[in-house]
Protein backbone atom coordinates (compact mmCIF):
# COMPACT_ATOMS: atom_id res chain seq x y z
CA UNK A 1 76.91 106.38 119.01
CA UNK A 2 79.76 105.15 121.22
CA UNK A 3 83.39 104.68 120.29
CA UNK A 4 83.10 100.90 119.83
CA UNK A 5 80.18 101.28 117.41
CA UNK A 6 82.00 103.92 115.37
CA UNK A 7 85.13 101.80 115.09
CA UNK A 8 83.07 98.77 114.06
CA UNK A 9 81.28 100.76 111.36
CA UNK A 10 84.25 102.60 109.89
CA UNK A 11 86.93 99.90 109.83
CA UNK A 12 85.13 97.84 107.14
CA UNK A 13 84.62 101.07 105.20
CA UNK A 14 88.35 101.78 105.30
CA UNK A 15 89.09 98.24 104.14
CA UNK A 16 86.69 98.70 101.21
CA UNK A 17 88.33 101.98 100.19
CA UNK A 18 91.75 100.34 100.37
CA UNK A 19 90.70 97.36 98.23
CA UNK A 20 89.09 99.63 95.64
CA UNK A 21 91.80 102.29 95.39
CA UNK A 22 95.11 100.54 96.03
CA UNK A 23 97.06 99.58 92.91
CA UNK A 24 98.86 96.76 94.71
CA UNK A 25 96.06 95.18 96.75
CA UNK A 26 95.91 92.47 94.07
CA UNK A 27 99.07 91.04 95.67
CA UNK A 28 97.50 90.64 99.12
CA UNK A 29 97.45 87.12 100.46
CA UNK A 30 94.30 85.32 101.57
CA UNK A 31 93.76 82.90 104.44
CA UNK A 32 95.54 80.14 102.50
CA UNK A 33 98.77 82.13 102.22
CA UNK A 34 98.80 84.56 105.16
CA UNK A 35 97.98 84.22 108.85
CA UNK A 36 98.24 86.81 111.59
CA UNK A 37 100.95 86.16 114.15
CA UNK A 38 101.88 87.82 117.43
CA UNK A 39 104.08 90.75 118.42
CA UNK A 40 104.35 92.37 115.01
CA UNK A 41 104.75 89.09 113.15
CA UNK A 42 102.89 87.47 110.29
CA UNK A 43 102.94 83.89 109.02
CA UNK A 44 103.49 83.15 105.33
CA UNK A 45 102.65 79.79 103.74
CA UNK A 46 105.72 78.15 102.21
CA UNK A 47 105.61 75.03 100.02
CA UNK A 48 108.64 73.10 98.80
CA UNK A 49 109.09 69.69 97.18
CA UNK A 50 111.70 67.55 95.48
CA UNK A 51 111.65 66.79 91.75
CA UNK A 52 111.35 63.36 90.12
CA UNK A 53 113.72 60.43 90.53
CA UNK A 54 113.87 57.02 88.82
CA UNK A 55 111.25 54.41 89.65
CA UNK A 56 112.91 51.20 90.80
CA UNK A 57 111.04 47.92 90.23
CA UNK A 58 112.58 46.46 93.37
CA UNK A 59 112.29 49.36 95.81
CA UNK A 60 109.49 51.26 94.07
CA UNK A 61 109.04 55.00 94.27
CA UNK A 62 111.81 57.43 95.13
CA UNK A 63 111.23 58.98 98.52
CA UNK A 64 111.57 62.71 98.10
CA UNK A 65 110.30 65.26 100.57
CA UNK A 66 107.41 67.67 100.45
CA UNK A 67 106.93 70.31 103.10
CA UNK A 68 104.25 72.87 103.81
CA UNK A 69 105.18 75.20 106.65
CA UNK A 70 104.13 78.57 107.98
CA UNK A 71 107.18 80.82 107.92
CA UNK A 72 107.08 83.62 110.49
CA UNK A 73 108.26 87.02 109.27
CA UNK A 74 108.16 90.50 110.75
CA UNK A 75 105.91 93.24 109.44
CA UNK A 76 107.99 95.81 107.59
CA UNK A 77 106.44 98.85 109.24
CA UNK A 78 103.80 100.14 111.63
CA UNK A 79 102.47 103.53 110.51
CA UNK A 80 100.00 105.79 112.26
CA UNK A 81 98.23 109.14 112.42
CA UNK A 82 95.39 110.70 114.36
CA UNK A 83 92.56 112.53 112.63
CA UNK A 84 90.72 115.24 114.55
CA UNK A 85 87.41 117.06 114.19
CA UNK A 86 86.77 119.89 116.64
CA UNK A 87 83.76 119.46 118.94
CA UNK A 88 82.03 122.45 117.40
CA UNK A 89 82.54 121.41 113.78
CA UNK A 90 79.29 119.92 112.51
CA UNK A 91 78.51 118.15 115.78
CA UNK A 92 75.12 116.87 114.65
CA UNK A 93 76.48 115.27 111.48
CA UNK A 94 79.69 113.78 112.78
CA UNK A 95 79.38 110.67 110.63
CA UNK A 96 79.47 112.64 107.38
CA UNK A 97 82.68 114.61 107.95
CA UNK A 98 84.52 111.61 109.38
CA UNK A 99 83.47 109.37 106.50
CA UNK A 100 84.83 111.95 104.08
CA UNK A 101 87.92 112.68 106.16
CA UNK A 102 88.91 109.05 106.64
CA UNK A 103 88.26 108.11 103.01
CA UNK A 104 90.31 111.05 101.75
CA UNK A 105 93.08 110.23 104.21
CA UNK A 106 93.25 106.69 102.88
CA UNK A 107 93.05 107.70 99.22
CA UNK A 108 95.55 110.55 99.35
CA UNK A 109 97.98 109.48 102.09
CA UNK A 110 97.84 105.82 103.13
CA UNK A 111 97.32 104.14 99.76
CA UNK A 112 99.94 106.05 97.71
CA UNK A 113 102.52 105.42 100.44
CA UNK A 114 101.63 101.74 100.73
CA UNK A 115 101.78 101.23 96.97
CA UNK A 116 105.13 103.02 96.74
CA UNK A 117 106.61 101.05 99.65
CA UNK A 118 105.47 97.74 98.19
CA UNK A 119 106.85 98.45 94.74
CA UNK A 120 110.16 99.59 96.23
CA UNK A 121 110.36 96.49 98.43
CA UNK A 122 109.73 94.14 95.51
CA UNK A 123 112.24 95.97 93.33
CA UNK A 124 114.93 95.51 95.98
CA UNK A 125 114.42 91.77 96.47
CA UNK A 126 117.49 89.64 95.85
CA UNK A 127 117.52 87.18 92.97
CA UNK A 128 114.92 88.91 90.81
CA UNK A 129 115.56 90.15 87.27
CA UNK A 130 116.29 93.86 86.94
CA UNK A 131 117.11 95.84 83.84
CA UNK A 132 118.25 99.45 83.64
CA UNK A 133 117.10 101.06 80.41
CA UNK A 134 115.76 104.21 78.82
CA UNK A 135 112.38 103.87 77.14
CA UNK A 136 111.86 106.89 74.90
CA UNK A 137 109.13 105.59 72.60
CA UNK A 138 106.27 103.16 72.39
CA UNK A 139 108.46 100.85 70.34
CA UNK A 140 111.05 100.88 73.13
CA UNK A 141 108.40 99.93 75.69
CA UNK A 142 107.08 97.10 73.53
CA UNK A 143 110.60 95.73 73.08
CA UNK A 144 111.25 95.95 76.83
CA UNK A 145 108.01 94.15 77.65
CA UNK A 146 108.82 91.48 75.07
CA UNK A 147 112.19 90.95 76.76
CA UNK A 148 110.38 90.59 80.09
CA UNK A 149 107.86 88.03 78.86
CA UNK A 150 110.49 86.08 76.92
CA UNK A 151 112.66 85.86 80.04
CA UNK A 152 109.72 84.60 82.09
CA UNK A 153 108.72 82.14 79.37
CA UNK A 154 112.25 80.73 79.25
CA UNK A 155 112.28 80.48 83.06
CA UNK A 156 108.94 78.61 82.93
CA UNK A 157 107.08 81.19 84.98
CA UNK A 158 103.31 80.49 84.79
CA UNK A 159 101.69 82.81 82.26
CA UNK A 160 98.15 82.93 83.64
CA UNK A 161 98.86 85.21 86.62
CA UNK A 162 101.46 87.69 85.40
CA UNK A 163 100.57 91.14 86.70
CA UNK A 164 102.06 94.18 84.98
CA UNK A 165 102.44 97.44 86.93
CA UNK A 166 103.34 100.21 84.49
CA UNK A 167 103.29 104.01 84.50
CA UNK A 168 100.38 105.68 82.65
CA UNK A 169 102.86 107.48 80.39
CA UNK A 170 104.46 104.27 79.14
CA UNK A 171 101.12 102.49 78.84
CA UNK A 172 99.87 105.42 76.78
CA UNK A 173 102.91 105.19 74.51
CA UNK A 174 102.01 101.57 73.78
CA UNK A 175 98.34 102.39 73.20
CA UNK A 176 99.26 105.14 70.74
CA UNK A 177 101.05 102.61 68.54
CA UNK A 178 97.83 100.64 68.06
CA UNK A 179 99.68 97.88 66.23
CA UNK A 180 99.37 94.12 66.22
CA UNK A 181 102.81 93.89 67.82
CA UNK A 182 101.88 96.20 70.70
CA UNK A 183 98.58 94.42 71.33
CA UNK A 184 100.20 90.99 71.25
CA UNK A 185 102.80 91.84 73.88
CA UNK A 186 100.12 93.15 76.24
CA UNK A 187 98.22 89.89 75.84
CA UNK A 188 101.12 88.16 77.59
CA UNK A 189 99.99 89.72 80.90
CA UNK A 190 96.88 88.56 82.74
CA UNK A 191 96.35 91.92 84.44
CA UNK A 192 97.67 95.38 83.57
CA UNK A 193 97.59 98.07 86.26
CA UNK A 194 98.58 101.67 85.60
CA UNK A 195 100.44 103.11 88.59
CA UNK A 196 101.23 106.84 88.92
CA UNK A 197 104.95 107.50 88.55
CA UNK A 198 105.10 109.01 92.06
CA UNK A 199 104.57 105.50 93.41
CA UNK A 200 107.08 103.84 91.06
CA UNK A 201 110.54 104.09 92.63
CA UNK A 202 113.17 101.44 93.33
CA UNK A 203 113.54 102.83 96.87
CA UNK A 204 111.71 105.30 99.10
CA UNK A 205 112.26 107.02 102.43
CA UNK A 206 109.42 106.81 104.95
CA UNK A 207 109.20 109.93 107.13
CA UNK A 208 108.96 109.29 110.87
CA UNK A 209 106.34 111.94 111.71
CA UNK A 210 108.87 114.01 113.65
CA UNK A 211 110.75 115.66 110.81
CA UNK A 212 108.02 115.14 108.22
CA UNK A 213 105.18 112.89 107.10
CA UNK A 214 104.58 110.44 104.30
CA UNK A 215 107.32 109.32 101.95
CA UNK A 216 109.80 110.61 99.39
CA UNK A 217 111.91 109.07 96.66
CA UNK A 218 115.17 107.84 98.17
CA UNK A 219 118.31 109.71 97.18
CA UNK A 220 119.84 106.95 95.05
CA UNK A 221 116.55 105.53 93.80
CA UNK A 222 115.64 105.05 90.15
CA UNK A 223 112.27 105.55 88.49
CA UNK A 224 110.50 102.28 87.73
CA UNK A 225 109.34 101.88 84.14
CA UNK A 226 107.37 98.75 84.85
CA UNK A 227 107.24 95.85 87.28
CA UNK A 228 105.94 92.40 86.40
CA UNK A 229 104.96 90.05 89.24
CA UNK A 230 103.68 86.51 88.87
CA UNK A 231 101.13 86.38 91.66
CA UNK A 232 102.50 83.31 93.44
CA UNK A 233 106.02 84.80 93.56
CA UNK A 234 105.27 87.38 96.24
CA UNK A 235 102.70 88.27 98.87
CA UNK A 236 101.71 91.49 100.64
CA UNK A 237 99.51 92.18 103.65
CA UNK A 238 98.13 95.13 105.60
CA UNK A 239 96.12 95.23 108.83
CA UNK A 240 94.30 98.46 109.69
CA UNK A 241 93.12 99.60 113.12
CA UNK A 242 91.17 102.62 114.33
CA UNK A 243 90.18 103.98 117.74
CA UNK A 244 87.71 106.72 118.54
CA UNK A 245 87.74 109.14 121.50
CA UNK A 246 85.05 111.68 122.32
CA UNK A 247 85.93 115.34 123.01
CA UNK A 248 85.51 114.63 126.73
CA UNK A 249 88.02 111.80 126.46
CA UNK A 250 90.47 113.83 124.38
CA UNK A 251 93.42 114.61 126.64
CA UNK A 252 95.08 116.98 124.16
CA UNK A 253 92.21 119.20 123.12
CA UNK A 254 88.46 119.27 122.58
CA UNK A 255 88.06 117.15 119.48
CA UNK A 256 86.58 113.96 118.18
CA UNK A 257 89.74 111.88 117.74
CA UNK A 258 90.08 108.97 115.33
CA UNK A 259 93.43 107.24 115.71
CA UNK A 260 94.55 105.27 112.67
CA UNK A 261 97.31 102.63 112.57
CA UNK A 262 98.38 99.97 110.11
CA UNK A 263 100.80 97.07 110.13
CA UNK A 264 102.32 96.47 106.71
CA UNK A 265 104.14 93.61 105.07
CA UNK A 266 105.23 95.51 102.00
CA UNK A 267 106.32 92.39 100.21
CA UNK A 268 107.65 88.91 100.84
CA UNK A 269 109.29 87.26 97.83
CA UNK A 270 109.53 83.48 97.89
CA UNK A 271 113.16 82.52 97.34
CA UNK A 272 112.24 79.68 94.98
CA UNK A 273 110.11 81.96 92.78
CA UNK A 274 112.33 84.96 92.15
CA UNK A 275 112.06 84.33 88.40
CA UNK A 276 108.49 85.57 88.74
CA UNK A 277 109.55 89.17 89.32
CA UNK A 278 111.00 91.42 86.60
CA UNK A 279 111.81 95.10 87.03
CA UNK A 280 112.64 97.69 84.39
CA UNK A 281 113.94 101.01 85.73
CA UNK A 282 115.70 104.09 84.43
CA UNK A 283 119.48 104.35 84.10
């Protein structure tokens, strides 16, 4: 099997693993909201329109403006790594170890980092609602979520696509109450996704691969209790690429080399929909 065939086979597999395992893939845009650009850029659909004016029997309808444009933005980051399997390691069953290696790499390295970077990016957006608070009990969490939904209701944020990202610990505290009040507040969210606390920070530091790999919580960052996003308020995107080189082509050793790279838009918040994002974090 040549390098082109391997890349063609494994890239869709990586995309499937990402879609299944990522906690934030629900925010990814489709072809109606995101288009690939050039030179590290991506195009985001942006719709704006004027409100109503008075109808005039002489001149007729007011002539407001409606615009639909593709706004060009830069990807936030390009991240990469190369995965290696020595020529002598299970040569006859190369597909099996690489399938396992690449899937584990995505599940344990790429996806946690991508989720953490997206949550941090959304939490740092200007104009959104943020609240610093300590949630020590299930009752505290219910009250905080009620404050979130009430704020969005008052701001006329659509209710049908409110996505709640919450730590398993806080979600468990609500579940343990098992009360009408706790169940009712959860019904205010269309989707509830439990996100491990290691991915829930208001800011992270991405390592450059020279002094370390992966990501860490930024020095001044806070822990995120929960993040609510109305789906049309923000969009994310990630493009993945892989290349394969045989041991004979490997210039640095004698290995099967699978080079992985991704371009990431960790989050673009529409400036006219900032009311659709609400963050609760620790003090």
